[in-house]
Amino acid sequence: MQTGSDYIDVNAPVGDEQVRAIRAADNNSLIIRLHFTINHLSRWLSPVHDRNKLERSVHFGEPTVKELLLEMREYEQHIYPMMYVIATQEDPNLDSIPPYHASAARRLADAEHSTIVLLSSFRRLRQSTCSLLRNLPDNAWDRVGYSRKHQNTTVRKLAEGLADHDYRFLRAMDQTLTATGAREGLAEIQKTPLDELLRLVPEKM
């Protein structure tokens, strides 16, 4: 059980080691890291058959595993269109992209669906992201998308941002799965800590 000082916060600072690993990865390695996120989630979540364990937190105000997964999917729904516009348009205007808002029907369906069903929808979206990135030549990663409302950005910066976001949310999920007892009785391989899993990601390809 956690103590008050162990409050799980997705916005807790990311350590310098992880920041350096993301920035130092070449494009192919970054794609692999993004793809591995789905593998990590499947490893952790698929063996948990009691959905209630994935829909509760230890402390009031902390996100549940299901909520963390939904946030990961919603963030990607925001990032993917920007990547696509930069990759496919000659003069990529990011302000032309309508802001993403989940419909009332989507929110209702999400509330009713289990975490494992939501993982499947996130997997499909992440596969689309990785497919887009794999088909880009290296020089296209540095193309600039322009915005008068926000900051200009590149495919590379967006991919790094996804990796940063993945780390913060996977770290919180790792902690939550342990704190709520969702991992009790599981095999060791099914609860491998995040930092150990990230050692499988090569820095260069």
Protein backbone atom coordinates (compact mmCIF):
# COMPACT_ATOMS: atom_id res chain seq x y z
CA MET A 1 0.00 0.00 0.00
CA GLN A 2 1.20 3.47 -0.76
CA THR A 3 1.80 6.26 1.69
CA GLY A 4 0.78 9.86 1.12
CA SER A 5 4.26 10.68 -0.14
CA ASP A 6 3.91 8.04 -2.87
CA TYR A 7 1.10 9.85 -4.69
CA ILE A 8 1.20 8.86 -8.36
CA ASP A 9 1.62 11.87 -10.61
CA VAL A 10 1.94 11.57 -14.40
CA ASN A 11 3.49 15.04 -14.47
CA ALA A 12 6.37 14.12 -12.19
CA PRO A 13 9.69 15.09 -13.81
CA VAL A 14 11.23 12.63 -16.27
CA GLY A 15 14.79 11.73 -15.33
CA ASP A 16 17.71 12.98 -17.40
CA GLU A 17 18.59 9.42 -18.40
CA GLN A 18 15.25 8.88 -20.11
CA VAL A 19 15.31 12.31 -21.75
CA ARG A 20 18.77 11.59 -23.15
CA ALA A 21 17.71 8.13 -24.37
CA ILE A 22 14.79 9.57 -26.32
CA ARG A 23 16.81 12.42 -27.84
CA ALA A 24 19.76 10.14 -28.71
CA ALA A 25 17.65 7.48 -30.45
CA ASP A 26 17.82 7.50 -34.22
CA ASN A 27 14.55 7.58 -36.13
CA ASN A 28 14.23 3.81 -36.51
CA SER A 29 14.94 3.24 -32.83
CA LEU A 30 12.36 5.83 -31.90
CA ILE A 31 9.78 3.97 -33.99
CA ILE A 32 10.66 0.76 -32.19
CA ARG A 33 10.30 2.48 -28.83
CA LEU A 34 6.84 3.74 -29.78
CA HIS A 35 5.85 0.30 -31.04
CA PHE A 36 7.14 -1.38 -27.88
CA THR A 37 4.68 0.70 -25.83
CA ILE A 38 1.88 -1.56 -27.09
CA ASN A 39 3.93 -4.62 -26.17
CA HIS A 40 4.46 -3.30 -22.64
CA LEU A 41 0.75 -2.58 -22.22
CA SER A 42 -0.23 -6.02 -23.49
CA ARG A 43 2.28 -7.69 -21.16
CA TRP A 44 0.92 -5.84 -18.15
CA LEU A 45 -2.81 -5.68 -18.83
CA SER A 46 -3.79 -8.86 -20.69
CA PRO A 47 -3.22 -11.16 -17.67
CA VAL A 48 -5.47 -9.04 -15.40
CA HIS A 49 -8.91 -10.61 -15.79
CA ASP A 50 -10.71 -8.64 -13.07
CA ARG A 51 -11.60 -5.37 -14.81
CA ASN A 52 -12.34 -3.71 -11.47
CA LYS A 53 -8.66 -3.86 -10.62
CA LEU A 54 -7.91 -1.73 -13.67
CA GLU A 55 -10.62 0.79 -12.87
CA ARG A 56 -9.64 1.80 -9.36
CA SER A 57 -6.88 3.82 -7.73
CA VAL A 58 -5.36 3.82 -4.27
CA HIS A 59 -5.74 7.51 -3.45
CA PHE A 60 -8.58 9.85 -4.28
CA GLY A 61 -7.70 11.93 -7.33
CA GLU A 62 -5.18 9.49 -8.76
CA PRO A 63 -5.88 8.16 -12.26
CA THR A 64 -6.89 4.54 -12.72
CA VAL A 65 -5.13 2.27 -15.21
CA LYS A 66 -8.10 2.64 -17.54
CA GLU A 67 -7.97 6.43 -17.32
CA LEU A 68 -4.23 6.44 -18.02
CA LEU A 69 -4.76 4.31 -21.12
CA LEU A 70 -7.54 6.60 -22.33
CA GLU A 71 -5.28 9.63 -21.88
CA MET A 72 -2.59 7.93 -23.97
CA ARG A 73 -5.08 7.25 -26.74
CA GLU A 74 -6.55 10.76 -26.65
CA TYR A 75 -3.10 12.34 -26.80
CA GLU A 76 -2.27 10.28 -29.87
CA GLN A 77 -5.56 11.34 -31.46
CA HIS A 78 -4.22 14.88 -31.13
CA ILE A 79 -0.67 14.17 -32.38
CA TYR A 80 -1.31 11.84 -35.32
CA PRO A 81 -3.12 14.40 -37.54
CA MET A 82 -0.21 16.81 -37.16
CA MET A 83 2.26 14.13 -38.18
CA TYR A 84 0.09 13.25 -41.17
CA VAL A 85 -0.25 16.85 -42.36
CA ILE A 86 3.50 17.48 -42.11
CA ALA A 87 4.27 14.21 -43.89
CA THR A 88 1.79 14.62 -46.75
CA GLN A 89 1.28 18.32 -47.46
CA GLU A 90 3.65 20.57 -49.36
CA ASP A 91 2.93 23.54 -47.07
CA PRO A 92 1.83 21.91 -43.80
CA ASN A 93 -0.46 24.31 -41.97
CA LEU A 94 -1.15 22.85 -38.53
CA ASP A 95 -3.83 25.44 -37.86
CA SER A 96 -5.96 23.78 -40.54
CA ILE A 97 -6.42 20.72 -38.30
CA PRO A 98 -9.67 20.86 -36.31
CA PRO A 99 -9.11 20.25 -32.59
CA TYR A 100 -9.92 16.72 -31.52
CA HIS A 101 -12.80 16.28 -29.10
CA ALA A 102 -14.27 12.90 -28.28
CA SER A 103 -17.97 12.80 -29.05
CA ALA A 104 -20.55 12.13 -26.36
CA ALA A 105 -21.18 8.71 -27.91
CA ARG A 106 -17.45 7.94 -27.84
CA ARG A 107 -17.17 8.93 -24.17
CA LEU A 108 -20.17 6.77 -23.30
CA ALA A 109 -18.70 3.80 -25.17
CA ASP A 110 -15.34 4.31 -23.47
CA ALA A 111 -17.02 4.29 -20.07
CA GLU A 112 -18.72 0.98 -20.84
CA HIS A 113 -15.78 -0.75 -22.51
CA SER A 114 -13.22 -2.70 -20.55
CA THR A 115 -9.60 -1.60 -20.38
CA ILE A 116 -8.60 -4.47 -22.68
CA VAL A 117 -11.06 -3.32 -25.36
CA LEU A 118 -9.64 0.20 -25.10
CA LEU A 119 -6.15 -1.24 -25.45
CA SER A 120 -7.18 -2.70 -28.81
CA SER A 121 -8.32 0.70 -30.07
CA PHE A 122 -5.10 2.32 -28.87
CA ARG A 123 -3.09 -0.45 -30.55
CA ARG A 124 -4.70 0.28 -33.91
CA LEU A 125 -3.97 3.98 -33.57
CA ARG A 126 -0.35 3.45 -32.54
CA GLN A 127 0.15 1.02 -35.43
CA SER A 128 -1.05 3.77 -37.80
CA THR A 129 1.45 6.18 -36.26
CA CYS A 130 4.34 3.75 -36.57
CA SER A 131 3.36 2.85 -40.14
CA LEU A 132 3.37 6.53 -41.10
CA LEU A 133 6.79 7.03 -39.52
CA ARG A 134 8.29 3.90 -41.11
CA ASN A 135 7.34 5.16 -44.57
CA LEU A 136 9.07 8.51 -44.13
CA PRO A 137 12.64 9.05 -45.36
CA ASP A 138 14.94 10.48 -42.70
CA ASN A 139 14.99 13.95 -44.23
CA ALA A 140 11.18 14.16 -43.97
CA TRP A 141 11.42 13.90 -40.18
CA ASP A 142 12.83 17.44 -40.15
CA ARG A 143 10.05 19.01 -42.24
CA VAL A 144 8.41 21.87 -40.37
CA GLY A 145 4.70 22.19 -39.72
CA TYR A 146 3.68 25.81 -39.26
CA SER A 147 1.25 27.29 -36.76
CA ARG A 148 0.32 30.86 -35.89
CA LYS A 149 -1.69 29.71 -32.87
CA HIS A 150 0.88 27.39 -31.37
CA GLN A 151 4.52 26.47 -31.98
CA ASN A 152 6.03 25.26 -35.23
CA THR A 153 7.12 21.66 -34.98
CA THR A 154 8.57 18.71 -36.91
CA VAL A 155 7.74 15.03 -37.21
CA ARG A 156 10.81 14.27 -35.13
CA LYS A 157 9.72 16.58 -32.31
CA LEU A 158 6.23 15.10 -32.36
CA ALA A 159 7.62 11.55 -32.19
CA GLU A 160 9.88 12.50 -29.29
CA GLY A 161 6.88 14.09 -27.59
CA LEU A 162 4.96 10.84 -27.93
CA ALA A 163 7.86 8.93 -26.38
CA ASP A 164 8.01 11.42 -23.49
CA HIS A 165 4.26 11.09 -22.97
CA ASP A 166 4.45 7.30 -23.16
CA TYR A 167 7.14 7.22 -20.48
CA ARG A 168 5.24 9.40 -18.03
CA PHE A 169 2.00 7.45 -18.43
CA LEU A 170 3.61 4.01 -18.49
CA ARG A 171 5.56 4.92 -15.34
CA ALA A 172 2.31 5.93 -13.61
CA MET A 173 0.59 2.77 -14.84
CA ASP A 174 3.46 0.59 -13.61
CA GLN A 175 3.12 2.14 -10.16
CA THR A 176 -0.68 1.92 -10.16
CA LEU A 177 -0.79 -1.75 -11.14
CA THR A 178 1.45 -2.58 -8.19
CA ALA A 179 -0.24 -0.25 -5.70
CA THR A 180 -3.78 -1.50 -6.41
CA GLY A 181 -2.82 -5.18 -6.15
CA ALA A 182 -3.71 -5.84 -9.80
CA ARG A 183 -0.48 -7.82 -10.19
CA GLU A 184 -1.02 -10.20 -7.31
CA GLY A 185 -0.61 -13.81 -8.42
CA LEU A 186 0.84 -12.93 -11.84
CA ALA A 187 4.04 -14.41 -13.23
CA GLU A 188 7.14 -12.25 -12.88
CA ILE A 189 7.41 -11.76 -16.64
CA GLN A 190 3.92 -10.24 -16.63
CA LYS A 191 4.92 -7.51 -14.18
CA THR A 192 8.38 -6.59 -15.46
CA PRO A 193 9.10 -2.97 -14.40
CA LEU A 194 9.11 -0.27 -17.07
CA ASP A 195 12.75 0.73 -16.71
CA GLU A 196 13.78 -2.89 -17.24
CA LEU A 197 11.59 -3.18 -20.34
CA LEU A 198 13.07 0.00 -21.81
CA ARG A 199 16.53 -1.59 -21.81
CA LEU A 200 15.27 -3.69 -24.75
CA VAL A 201 15.03 -0.59 -26.96
CA PRO A 202 18.18 -0.14 -29.08
CA GLU A 203 19.65 3.36 -29.29
CA LYS A 204 20.75 2.95 -32.90
CA MET A 205 19.53 0.80 -35.79
